[in-house]
Amino acid sequence: MLTRTFSLIIFWLVTTIYLTHHSQAQVNTQMERLQFNISIEASPEIVYRVIIDSDHFQEWTKPFGPTSYFEGTWEPGSTMRFLSKDENGKIMGMLSKVRENRANTYIGLEHFGYIRDGKEITEGEDIETIKGARENYTLLEEGGGTKLLVESDTFSEYKEYFLEAWPKALEKVRAICEE
């Protein structure tokens, strides 16, 4: 479930960047759920902390954007702001609701808006295409370590990008956890 959560975070950041630079007419609204996993030689408690810790988050999400960070708490029902700066230094990102957070086992996010030029946008055509998209992170104990599973909803336009970026991000999570 933690895996889904991280995927959604990344989905929101990439979608926001894309929507900032393209009109709605150019966006294919067909969603696809991507799945990724990695085995990590660390306990689920350590992996979970690396995923949600602010400093570690900034490090492991660099494959998605070098300035990625979040604002908010990981409490169920709370709003998370997943942010980054565009090439002009403007703040952009995604607004997500923490659907579920079971410490050391699962995080589930659902996107409901985005941030463009530092302003929250929760209504309009752009939002209707991403509303309800999910990102889930699941942590499973595996032979003294952890198997991290990530599920991320995305548009077909981003599929190749995520197929390249997610494995790099998960390798960073593993490296941080195993140091």
Protein backbone atom coordinates (compact mmCIF):
# COMPACT_ATOMS: atom_id res chain seq x y z
CA MET A 1 0.00 0.00 0.00
CA LEU A 2 2.94 2.32 0.63
CA THR A 3 3.96 1.54 -2.92
CA ARG A 4 0.69 2.90 -4.28
CA THR A 5 1.08 6.04 -2.25
CA PHE A 6 4.50 6.88 -3.61
CA SER A 7 3.37 6.20 -7.14
CA LEU A 8 0.49 8.58 -6.78
CA ILE A 9 2.76 11.27 -5.46
CA ILE A 10 4.98 10.97 -8.46
CA PHE A 11 1.97 10.77 -10.79
CA TRP A 12 0.72 14.06 -9.43
CA LEU A 13 4.02 15.82 -9.82
CA VAL A 14 4.50 14.68 -13.40
CA THR A 15 0.87 15.33 -14.35
CA THR A 16 1.04 18.82 -12.90
CA ILE A 17 4.20 19.60 -14.81
CA TYR A 18 2.62 18.28 -18.01
CA LEU A 19 -0.67 20.15 -17.54
CA THR A 20 1.27 23.33 -16.83
CA HIS A 21 2.78 23.15 -20.31
CA HIS A 22 -0.01 21.56 -22.40
CA SER A 23 -3.64 22.38 -22.99
CA GLN A 24 -6.35 19.94 -21.87
CA ALA A 25 -7.10 19.06 -25.49
CA GLN A 26 -3.61 17.58 -25.80
CA VAL A 27 -3.94 15.26 -22.79
CA ASN A 28 -5.10 11.68 -23.29
CA THR A 29 -7.49 11.02 -20.41
CA GLN A 30 -7.06 7.23 -20.49
CA MET A 31 -5.57 6.12 -17.15
CA GLU A 32 -3.38 3.10 -16.68
CA ARG A 33 -2.17 1.57 -13.42
CA LEU A 34 1.55 0.85 -13.36
CA GLN A 35 3.10 -1.55 -10.84
CA PHE A 36 6.66 -1.66 -9.55
CA ASN A 37 8.41 -3.59 -6.80
CA ILE A 38 11.80 -3.94 -5.18
CA SER A 39 13.30 -6.11 -2.43
CA ILE A 40 15.13 -4.18 0.27
CA GLU A 41 17.41 -5.57 2.96
CA ALA A 42 15.84 -3.53 5.75
CA SER A 43 12.80 -3.86 7.99
CA PRO A 44 9.40 -2.50 6.92
CA GLU A 45 9.78 0.10 9.70
CA ILE A 46 12.94 1.48 8.12
CA VAL A 47 11.50 1.45 4.58
CA TYR A 48 8.33 3.17 5.77
CA ARG A 49 10.33 5.92 7.52
CA VAL A 50 12.46 6.51 4.41
CA ILE A 51 9.35 6.87 2.25
CA ILE A 52 7.59 9.44 4.43
CA ASP A 53 10.52 11.33 5.98
CA SER A 54 10.82 14.78 4.41
CA ASP A 55 14.60 14.71 3.88
CA HIS A 56 14.61 11.18 2.50
CA PHE A 57 11.60 11.96 0.28
CA GLN A 58 13.54 14.78 -1.35
CA GLU A 59 16.38 12.36 -2.07
CA TRP A 60 14.50 9.32 -3.39
CA THR A 61 12.14 11.37 -5.59
CA LYS A 62 14.98 13.09 -7.51
CA PRO A 63 14.44 10.83 -10.56
CA PHE A 64 11.01 12.50 -10.88
CA GLY A 65 12.26 16.03 -10.29
CA PRO A 66 15.34 17.46 -8.59
CA THR A 67 13.33 19.86 -6.41
CA SER A 68 10.53 17.53 -5.22
CA TYR A 69 9.25 17.93 -1.67
CA PHE A 70 5.99 17.72 0.25
CA GLU A 71 3.95 19.74 2.71
CA GLY A 72 1.45 18.11 5.02
CA THR A 73 1.11 15.16 7.32
CA TRP A 74 0.62 11.53 6.47
CA GLU A 75 -2.46 11.22 8.70
CA PRO A 76 -5.49 9.51 7.09
CA GLY A 77 -7.88 12.12 5.70
CA SER A 78 -5.23 14.84 5.57
CA THR A 79 -4.22 16.78 2.47
CA MET A 80 -0.70 16.43 1.12
CA ARG A 81 0.88 18.96 -1.22
CA PHE A 82 3.53 17.31 -3.41
CA LEU A 83 5.55 20.15 -4.84
CA SER A 84 8.38 21.00 -7.19
CA LYS A 85 9.68 24.06 -8.97
CA ASP A 86 9.39 24.35 -12.74
CA GLU A 87 12.20 25.62 -14.96
CA ASN A 88 11.15 29.21 -14.12
CA GLY A 89 11.20 28.62 -10.36
CA LYS A 90 7.40 28.61 -10.04
CA ILE A 91 5.82 26.21 -7.55
CA MET A 92 3.73 23.42 -9.04
CA GLY A 93 2.50 20.10 -7.80
CA MET A 94 -0.36 17.86 -6.82
CA LEU A 95 -2.98 17.90 -4.10
CA SER A 96 -3.65 14.49 -2.64
CA LYS A 97 -5.77 13.06 0.12
CA VAL A 98 -4.20 10.43 2.36
CA ARG A 99 -6.83 7.69 1.98
CA GLU A 100 -5.10 5.30 4.31
CA ASN A 101 -1.86 5.07 6.25
CA ARG A 102 -1.09 1.93 8.20
CA ALA A 103 2.36 2.42 9.68
CA ASN A 104 5.00 0.11 8.21
CA THR A 105 2.54 -1.67 5.87
CA TYR A 106 0.51 0.59 3.55
CA ILE A 107 -0.02 4.14 2.31
CA GLY A 108 -2.83 4.99 -0.11
CA LEU A 109 -3.21 8.39 -1.78
CA GLU A 110 -5.90 9.82 -4.02
CA HIS A 111 -5.31 12.92 -6.13
CA PHE A 112 -7.91 15.66 -6.24
CA GLY A 113 -6.19 18.75 -7.59
CA TYR A 114 -2.97 20.38 -8.62
CA ILE A 115 -0.91 23.44 -7.90
CA ARG A 116 0.10 25.80 -10.67
CA ASP A 117 2.13 28.94 -10.02
CA GLY A 118 1.67 28.28 -6.29
CA LYS A 119 -2.16 28.31 -6.53
CA GLU A 120 -4.36 25.33 -5.67
CA ILE A 121 -6.71 24.25 -8.45
CA THR A 122 -9.46 21.77 -7.54
CA GLU A 123 -12.08 22.44 -10.23
CA GLY A 124 -12.17 22.52 -14.02
CA GLU A 125 -11.55 20.24 -16.99
CA ASP A 126 -7.92 19.54 -16.10
CA ILE A 127 -8.98 18.31 -12.67
CA GLU A 128 -11.71 16.01 -13.96
CA THR A 129 -9.10 13.98 -15.85
CA ILE A 130 -6.96 13.34 -12.77
CA LYS A 131 -9.54 13.26 -9.97
CA GLY A 132 -9.54 9.88 -8.30
CA ALA A 133 -6.14 8.79 -9.60
CA ARG A 134 -4.39 6.73 -6.96
CA GLU A 135 -0.91 5.94 -5.77
CA ASN A 136 -0.36 3.10 -3.33
CA TYR A 137 2.62 1.78 -1.40
CA THR A 138 2.59 -1.68 0.13
CA LEU A 139 5.37 -2.99 2.37
CA LEU A 140 5.61 -6.74 2.87
CA GLU A 141 8.00 -8.54 5.20
CA GLU A 142 10.18 -10.82 3.10
CA GLY A 143 12.97 -13.02 4.46
CA GLY A 144 14.22 -10.54 7.04
CA GLY A 145 13.78 -7.64 4.62
CA THR A 146 10.96 -5.84 2.85
CA LYS A 147 9.31 -6.10 -0.53
CA LEU A 148 8.08 -2.64 -1.52
CA LEU A 149 5.21 -2.64 -4.03
CA VAL A 150 4.12 0.56 -5.77
CA GLU A 151 0.99 1.08 -7.85
CA SER A 152 0.58 4.35 -9.70
CA ASP A 153 -2.20 5.56 -11.99
CA THR A 154 -0.92 7.50 -14.98
CA PHE A 155 -1.79 8.72 -18.46
CA SER A 156 -0.41 6.84 -21.46
CA GLU A 157 1.67 9.94 -22.30
CA TYR A 158 3.66 9.40 -19.09
CA LYS A 159 3.96 5.64 -19.20
CA GLU A 160 7.47 5.53 -20.69
CA TYR A 161 8.64 8.28 -18.35
CA PHE A 162 7.39 6.38 -15.29
CA LEU A 163 8.73 3.07 -16.57
CA GLU A 164 12.15 4.72 -16.51
CA ALA A 165 11.82 6.94 -13.41
CA TRP A 166 10.12 4.58 -10.94
CA PRO A 167 12.83 1.91 -10.98
CA LYS A 168 15.45 4.64 -10.39
CA ALA A 169 13.44 6.05 -7.49
CA LEU A 170 13.01 2.63 -5.92
CA GLU A 171 16.74 1.99 -6.24
CA LYS A 172 17.29 5.22 -4.30
CA VAL A 173 14.86 4.05 -1.61
CA ARG A 174 16.79 0.79 -1.36
CA ALA A 175 20.17 2.55 -1.21
CA ILE A 176 19.00 4.87 1.59
CA CYS A 177 17.47 1.99 3.56
CA GLU A 178 20.50 -0.25 3.21
CA GLU A 179 23.21 2.31 4.11
